[in-house]
Amino acid sequence: MYQDETNDAIALLQQMIAISSFSKEEKSVADFLERYIEIKGYVAVRKDNNVWILSPGFDSERPTILLNSHIDTVKPVAGWIHDALRPSIENGKLFGLGSNDAGASVVSLLHVFFFLTQKQQAYNLIFAASAEEEISGKDGVESLLLELPKIDFAIVGEPTKMNLAVAEKGLMVLDCTVLGKAGHAARNEGDNAIYKALPIIEWFKTFDFEKKSELLSAVKMTVTQINAGTQHNVIPDKCSFVVDVRSNEMYSNQEILDEVRKYVDCDVQPRSTRLGSTATPLNHAIVKRGRELNRALFGSPTLSDQALMPFPSVKIGPGDSARSHTADEYILLNEIAEAIDIYIQLLDGLVI
């Protein structure tokens, strides 16, 4: 339906794929995107490797919707047959690193911004292409939001098959340390830190947080790394392990941390508590319109920049999360066309 916008978006994505943009190394693609926006007649604003645009005639009396996705990529994994940084189209698929996660969302949202700002809307629009999403870096959207006007709602572009993630699990990583006492393994000496750690690890495996979420289910804690010992004949005096915690919106990360420390007899240090769970009211105007468009609503187990947004948001974008971070990552060309169509139907004439 929006053929010109789709063609421009696909051409832009091909150009972006050809520019390496690993996390913290997005300068070249940010430079390119900034020039592209200015060629289109808009004023691009820049902070570090983040680029954004305000809709013409921005009025602080109107509500503001943020359209956001990220320009950084992970590094290519082993197994690529296609060249990860050389875009190629085969049988309706555009192959290339970042095509699915989240280049297709970036170019679709940008051209939707161009389309919607051609006429008066009941809200302001901001398009923002942000950096460091893949590493939850502090110089990405967290830094960018400090520069923007007040935001009332955000659409976060990530591959969701254009369904609406109205809730998202948060993330907290815990570094746990259990102390024992060294001794000779051949004699009954020392206090084995591994043995002391085992019941604590079992607690993390079996503990059940009481509050469950309808969309995000229970808080999930998983021990993912463990390290102990210096050599085979020395009783280990220290055992450290890492716990991956996925929170639901029923608990803040600080509340989960306080609960953990209440039960476990070891040192527990969070790497950060800032990546909390999010949930948006189901009666929000955009969510209602999404339902009218037969978009499924779901809770996402994976983290995005939604976690850093202190305002309502939904995560929705072209592509499939299962393709992210895989060899021969691709986006279907018709997924970009569909995304532009659905984004416009969601937003054109909306009143929030």
Protein backbone atom coordinates (compact mmCIF):
# COMPACT_ATOMS: atom_id res chain seq x y z
CA MET A 1 0.00 0.00 0.00
CA TYR A 2 2.82 2.40 0.87
CA GLN A 3 5.10 1.34 -1.96
CA ASP A 4 7.34 4.42 -2.08
CA GLU A 5 7.98 4.29 1.66
CA THR A 6 8.66 0.54 1.45
CA ASN A 7 11.10 0.89 -1.45
CA ASP A 8 12.97 3.70 0.31
CA ALA A 9 13.10 1.73 3.56
CA ILE A 10 14.52 -1.37 1.85
CA ALA A 11 17.14 0.67 -0.01
CA LEU A 12 18.16 2.39 3.23
CA LEU A 13 18.43 -0.92 5.08
CA GLN A 14 20.74 -2.32 2.41
CA GLN A 15 23.02 0.69 2.81
CA MET A 16 23.01 0.39 6.61
CA ILE A 17 23.85 -3.33 6.57
CA ALA A 18 26.99 -2.52 4.58
CA ILE A 19 28.25 -0.26 7.40
CA SER A 20 29.68 -2.08 10.42
CA SER A 21 27.83 -0.98 13.56
CA PHE A 22 28.82 -3.21 16.45
CA SER A 23 27.84 -1.91 19.90
CA LYS A 24 29.98 1.11 20.85
CA GLU A 25 31.19 1.26 17.22
CA GLU A 26 28.08 2.81 15.65
CA LYS A 27 29.62 6.17 14.61
CA SER A 28 29.77 5.45 10.88
CA VAL A 29 26.17 4.27 10.60
CA ALA A 30 25.00 7.16 12.83
CA ASP A 31 26.85 9.59 10.53
CA PHE A 32 25.19 8.02 7.51
CA LEU A 33 21.71 8.08 9.04
CA GLU A 34 22.14 11.70 10.13
CA ARG A 35 22.99 12.71 6.53
CA TYR A 36 20.07 10.67 5.17
CA ILE A 37 17.61 12.44 7.47
CA GLU A 38 18.94 15.86 6.50
CA ILE A 39 18.72 15.04 2.79
CA LYS A 40 15.03 14.28 3.43
CA GLY A 41 14.64 17.86 4.68
CA TYR A 42 14.51 17.26 8.44
CA VAL A 43 16.78 18.54 11.20
CA ALA A 44 18.74 15.68 12.76
CA VAL A 45 19.97 16.00 16.34
CA ARG A 46 22.91 14.00 17.61
CA LYS A 47 24.36 12.89 20.93
CA ASP A 48 27.25 10.44 20.75
CA ASN A 49 25.99 7.71 18.39
CA ASN A 50 22.30 8.46 18.92
CA VAL A 51 20.35 10.33 16.23
CA TRP A 52 16.86 11.76 16.55
CA ILE A 53 14.30 14.07 14.91
CA LEU A 54 11.40 16.08 16.30
CA SER A 55 8.27 16.43 14.18
CA PRO A 56 7.93 19.85 12.51
CA GLY A 57 5.79 22.24 14.54
CA PHE A 58 6.56 20.42 17.77
CA ASP A 59 4.10 21.69 20.40
CA SER A 60 4.79 21.02 24.07
CA GLU A 61 1.04 21.29 24.76
CA ARG A 62 0.41 18.09 22.78
CA PRO A 63 1.30 14.57 23.95
CA THR A 64 4.46 13.08 22.46
CA ILE A 65 5.03 9.62 20.99
CA LEU A 66 8.56 8.27 20.62
CA LEU A 67 9.41 5.91 17.74
CA ASN A 68 12.62 4.16 18.73
CA SER A 69 14.84 1.35 17.56
CA HIS A 70 18.55 0.61 17.73
CA ILE A 71 21.32 0.80 15.15
CA ASP A 72 23.91 -1.37 16.88
CA THR A 73 24.41 -5.06 16.16
CA VAL A 74 26.11 -7.99 17.79
CA LYS A 75 29.20 -9.38 16.06
CA PRO A 76 28.49 -12.11 13.50
CA VAL A 77 28.42 -15.64 14.87
CA ALA A 78 30.12 -18.56 13.15
CA GLY A 79 28.33 -20.28 10.30
CA TRP A 80 27.47 -17.41 7.97
CA ILE A 81 27.27 -18.50 4.32
CA HIS A 82 26.35 -15.03 3.08
CA ASP A 83 28.67 -12.09 3.77
CA ALA A 84 27.30 -10.58 7.00
CA LEU A 85 28.18 -7.03 5.92
CA ARG A 86 27.25 -7.34 2.26
CA PRO A 87 23.46 -7.18 1.82
CA SER A 88 21.98 -9.65 -0.64
CA ILE A 89 18.41 -10.35 -1.69
CA GLU A 90 17.33 -13.89 -2.57
CA ASN A 91 13.77 -15.14 -2.93
CA GLY A 92 12.28 -12.16 -1.13
CA LYS A 93 14.76 -12.31 1.75
CA LEU A 94 17.26 -9.56 2.55
CA PHE A 95 20.30 -11.17 4.20
CA GLY A 96 22.73 -9.23 6.35
CA LEU A 97 23.85 -8.58 9.91
CA GLY A 98 21.25 -6.51 11.75
CA SER A 99 18.63 -6.90 9.02
CA ASN A 100 16.16 -8.50 11.43
CA ASP A 101 17.52 -7.12 14.72
CA ALA A 102 16.73 -4.35 14.38
CA GLY A 103 17.53 -2.64 11.08
CA ALA A 104 14.12 -3.40 9.57
CA SER A 105 12.46 -1.68 12.53
CA VAL A 106 14.76 1.34 12.24
CA VAL A 107 14.05 1.97 8.55
CA SER A 108 10.33 1.20 8.84
CA LEU A 109 9.80 3.55 11.79
CA LEU A 110 11.85 6.30 10.13
CA HIS A 111 9.77 6.24 6.96
CA VAL A 112 6.57 6.04 9.00
CA PHE A 113 7.78 9.20 10.78
CA PHE A 114 8.31 10.89 7.40
CA PHE A 115 4.81 9.86 6.28
CA LEU A 116 2.92 10.81 9.44
CA THR A 117 4.56 14.22 9.78
CA GLN A 118 3.33 15.27 6.36
CA LYS A 119 0.01 16.15 8.00
CA GLN A 120 -1.12 17.43 11.39
CA GLN A 121 -1.50 14.80 14.10
CA ALA A 122 -2.99 15.18 17.57
CA TYR A 123 0.43 14.39 19.02
CA ASN A 124 4.10 15.16 18.49
CA LEU A 125 6.37 12.51 17.05
CA ILE A 126 10.01 11.87 17.81
CA PHE A 127 12.03 9.32 15.85
CA ALA A 128 15.18 8.15 17.64
CA ALA A 129 17.80 5.70 16.41
CA SER A 130 19.78 4.69 19.47
CA ALA A 131 23.09 2.98 20.17
CA GLU A 132 24.31 0.28 22.55
CA GLU A 133 21.00 -1.58 22.91
CA GLU A 134 22.64 -4.98 22.55
CA ILE A 135 24.79 -4.34 25.63
CA SER A 136 22.30 -2.16 27.59
CA GLY A 137 24.97 0.53 27.47
CA LYS A 138 24.69 3.82 29.30
CA ASP A 139 25.48 5.84 26.15
CA GLY A 140 22.43 4.52 24.33
CA VAL A 141 18.77 5.28 24.92
CA GLU A 142 19.34 5.94 28.64
CA SER A 143 21.56 8.90 27.75
CA LEU A 144 19.34 9.93 24.84
CA LEU A 145 16.19 10.21 26.99
CA LEU A 146 17.86 12.89 29.09
CA GLU A 147 17.94 15.12 26.00
CA LEU A 148 14.36 14.62 24.82
CA PRO A 149 11.16 16.47 25.74
CA LYS A 150 8.63 14.70 27.95
CA ILE A 151 7.51 11.41 26.36
CA ASP A 152 3.98 10.10 26.87
CA PHE A 153 4.28 6.82 24.99
CA ALA A 154 6.87 4.88 22.99
CA ILE A 155 6.87 2.34 20.21
CA VAL A 156 10.05 0.27 20.44
CA GLY A 157 11.01 -1.47 17.23
CA GLU A 158 12.17 -5.04 17.74
CA PRO A 159 11.31 -8.21 15.76
CA THR A 160 7.91 -9.34 17.09
CA LYS A 161 6.15 -10.40 13.85
CA MET A 162 4.27 -7.08 14.28
CA ASN A 163 2.49 -8.32 17.39
CA LEU A 164 2.45 -6.12 20.50
CA ALA A 165 4.64 -6.90 23.48
CA VAL A 166 2.72 -5.00 26.14
CA ALA A 167 4.96 -6.31 28.93
CA GLU A 168 8.60 -7.28 29.10
CA LYS A 169 10.69 -9.11 31.66
CA GLY A 170 13.48 -7.21 33.36
CA LEU A 171 17.02 -8.41 33.95
CA MET A 172 19.32 -8.44 36.93
CA VAL A 173 22.64 -10.30 37.09
CA LEU A 174 23.87 -11.37 40.52
CA ASP A 175 27.47 -12.21 41.43
CA CYS A 176 27.42 -14.54 44.43
CA THR A 177 30.42 -15.52 46.55
CA VAL A 178 30.63 -18.30 49.14
CA LEU A 179 33.72 -18.44 51.37
CA GLY A 180 35.28 -21.55 52.91
CA LYS A 181 38.73 -22.44 54.17
CA ALA A 182 41.60 -23.96 52.21
CA GLY A 183 43.15 -27.28 53.20
CA HIS A 184 44.84 -30.39 51.80
CA ALA A 185 42.37 -32.57 49.89
CA ALA A 186 44.07 -35.75 51.16
CA ARG A 187 43.31 -34.94 54.77
CA ASN A 188 40.16 -33.95 56.65
CA GLU A 189 41.04 -30.27 56.52
CA GLY A 190 39.47 -27.03 55.44
CA ASP A 191 35.92 -26.03 54.71
CA ASN A 192 34.92 -26.75 51.11
CA ALA A 193 33.32 -23.65 49.55
CA ILE A 194 31.80 -25.73 46.74
CA TYR A 195 29.91 -27.90 49.20
CA LYS A 196 28.73 -24.78 51.06
CA ALA A 197 27.54 -23.32 47.76
CA LEU A 198 25.49 -26.34 46.67
CA PRO A 199 22.44 -25.76 48.93
CA ILE A 200 22.47 -22.08 47.98
CA ILE A 201 22.49 -22.96 44.28
CA GLU A 202 19.66 -25.40 44.94
CA TRP A 203 17.72 -22.58 46.61
CA PHE A 204 18.03 -20.43 43.49
CA LYS A 205 16.78 -23.40 41.44
CA THR A 206 13.71 -24.09 43.54
CA PHE A 207 12.63 -20.81 45.17
CA ASP A 208 9.23 -19.63 43.99
CA PHE A 209 8.31 -15.94 44.12
CA GLU A 210 4.69 -15.64 45.18
CA LYS A 211 3.45 -12.96 42.78
CA LYS A 212 2.85 -14.22 39.24
CA SER A 213 2.12 -12.09 36.21
CA GLU A 214 -0.63 -12.88 33.74
CA LEU A 215 1.59 -11.87 30.82
CA LEU A 216 5.07 -12.59 32.16
CA SER A 217 4.47 -15.53 34.53
CA ALA A 218 6.88 -15.96 37.46
CA VAL A 219 10.21 -14.40 38.29
CA LYS A 220 12.86 -16.72 36.86
CA MET A 221 16.31 -17.23 38.45
CA THR A 222 18.96 -19.35 36.73
CA VAL A 223 22.53 -20.11 37.83
CA THR A 224 24.52 -19.80 34.62
CA GLN A 225 28.21 -19.71 35.63
CA ILE A 226 30.30 -21.15 38.46
CA ASN A 227 33.97 -20.92 39.39
CA ALA A 228 35.94 -22.49 42.24
CA GLY A 229 39.23 -24.12 43.11
CA THR A 230 42.87 -23.62 42.19
CA GLN A 231 44.11 -27.20 41.80
CA HIS A 232 42.94 -30.76 42.37
CA ASN A 233 44.51 -31.32 45.77
CA VAL A 234 43.48 -28.07 47.48
CA ILE A 235 40.13 -27.64 49.22
CA PRO A 236 38.61 -24.53 47.60
CA ASP A 237 38.26 -21.56 49.92
CA LYS A 238 35.99 -19.65 47.57
CA CYS A 239 33.16 -20.52 45.19
CA SER A 240 31.63 -17.81 43.01
CA PHE A 241 28.65 -18.17 40.73
CA VAL A 242 26.43 -15.99 38.55
CA VAL A 243 22.63 -15.87 38.63
CA ASP A 244 20.54 -14.58 35.73
CA VAL A 245 17.31 -13.09 37.15
CA ARG A 246 14.35 -12.29 34.89
CA SER A 247 11.84 -10.17 36.78
CA ASN A 248 8.14 -9.63 36.16
CA GLU A 249 6.28 -6.36 36.70
CA MET A 250 5.07 -7.52 40.12
CA TYR A 251 8.51 -6.89 41.67
CA SER A 252 11.19 -4.27 41.27
CA ASN A 253 14.71 -5.61 40.91
CA GLN A 254 15.53 -4.09 44.31
CA GLU A 255 12.66 -6.01 45.91
CA ILE A 256 13.93 -9.25 44.38
CA LEU A 257 17.46 -8.50 45.60
CA ASP A 258 16.19 -7.84 49.14
CA GLU A 259 14.29 -11.15 49.08
CA VAL A 260 17.35 -13.08 47.89
CA ARG A 261 19.59 -11.60 50.56
CA LYS A 262 17.01 -12.52 53.20
CA TYR A 263 17.32 -16.23 52.36
CA VAL A 264 20.87 -16.97 51.17
CA ASP A 265 23.97 -17.11 53.36
CA CYS A 266 26.54 -15.66 50.99
CA ASP A 267 27.64 -12.36 49.52
CA VAL A 268 25.26 -11.24 46.73
CA GLN A 269 26.15 -8.28 44.53
CA PRO A 270 23.98 -7.05 41.64
CA ARG A 271 25.77 -5.77 38.55
CA SER A 272 22.84 -3.37 38.10
CA THR A 273 19.24 -3.00 39.21
CA ARG A 274 18.29 -0.51 36.49
CA LEU A 275 16.84 -2.95 33.92
CA GLY A 276 13.39 -3.45 35.37
CA SER A 277 10.31 -5.16 34.02
CA THR A 278 7.71 -3.08 32.18
CA ALA A 279 3.98 -3.37 31.55
CA THR A 280 1.56 -1.06 29.73
CA PRO A 281 -2.15 -0.76 30.60
CA LEU A 282 -4.28 -2.78 28.19
CA ASN A 283 -6.75 0.07 27.90
CA HIS A 284 -4.18 2.40 26.33
CA ALA A 285 -5.32 3.86 22.99
CA ILE A 286 -2.48 2.27 21.02
CA VAL A 287 -3.09 -1.14 22.58
CA LYS A 288 -6.80 -0.86 21.78
CA ARG A 289 -6.03 0.05 18.19
CA GLY A 290 -3.60 -2.86 17.96
CA ARG A 291 -6.37 -5.21 19.03
CA GLU A 292 -8.65 -3.71 16.37
CA LEU A 293 -5.95 -4.58 13.82
CA ASN A 294 -5.94 -8.19 15.10
CA ARG A 295 -2.45 -7.88 16.53
CA ALA A 296 -1.77 -10.41 19.29
CA LEU A 297 -0.77 -9.09 22.72
CA PHE A 298 1.99 -10.89 24.61
CA GLY A 299 4.58 -10.60 27.34
CA SER A 300 8.16 -10.72 26.10
CA PRO A 301 10.82 -12.78 27.94
CA THR A 302 13.65 -10.91 26.18
CA LEU A 303 15.09 -7.56 27.17
CA SER A 304 15.05 -4.36 25.08
CA ASP A 305 15.42 -0.62 25.63
CA GLN A 306 11.87 -0.69 27.01
CA ALA A 307 13.52 -1.53 30.33
CA LEU A 308 15.03 1.96 30.44
CA MET A 309 11.85 3.87 29.60
CA PRO A 310 9.94 5.36 32.55
CA PHE A 311 6.73 5.75 30.53
CA PRO A 312 4.27 3.37 28.82
CA SER A 313 5.49 1.59 25.70
CA VAL A 314 4.90 -1.35 23.41
CA LYS A 315 7.49 -3.40 21.57
CA ILE A 316 6.48 -4.12 17.99
CA GLY A 317 8.44 -4.59 14.80
CA PRO A 318 9.00 -6.60 11.63
CA GLY A 319 10.85 -9.89 11.70
CA ASP A 320 11.13 -12.81 14.06
CA SER A 321 13.12 -12.77 17.30
CA ALA A 322 14.23 -16.36 16.57
CA ARG A 323 16.40 -15.03 13.69
CA SER A 324 18.26 -12.54 15.87
CA HIS A 325 21.94 -13.21 16.55
CA THR A 326 21.98 -16.16 14.14
CA ALA A 327 24.05 -17.00 11.07
CA ASP A 328 22.52 -15.74 7.80
CA GLU A 329 20.16 -13.37 9.58
CA TYR A 330 17.50 -12.03 7.24
CA ILE A 331 14.32 -10.02 6.94
CA LEU A 332 11.55 -10.71 4.45
CA LEU A 333 10.91 -7.77 2.16
CA ASN A 334 7.16 -8.19 2.62
CA GLU A 335 7.67 -7.93 6.40
CA ILE A 336 8.96 -4.38 5.92
CA ALA A 337 5.95 -3.52 3.75
CA GLU A 338 3.62 -5.01 6.36
CA ALA A 339 5.37 -3.13 9.17
CA ILE A 340 5.00 0.25 7.52
CA ASP A 341 1.32 -0.44 6.84
CA ILE A 342 0.57 -1.55 10.42
CA TYR A 343 2.59 1.24 12.06
CA ILE A 344 0.65 3.81 10.03
CA GLN A 345 -2.68 2.18 10.86
CA LEU A 346 -1.72 2.22 14.55
CA LEU A 347 -0.72 5.87 14.60
CA ASP A 348 -2.42 7.88 11.87
CA GLY A 349 -5.16 10.03 13.43
CA LEU A 350 -4.62 8.49 16.87
CA VAL A 351 -5.72 10.43 19.95
CA ILE A 352 -3.93 9.61 23.21
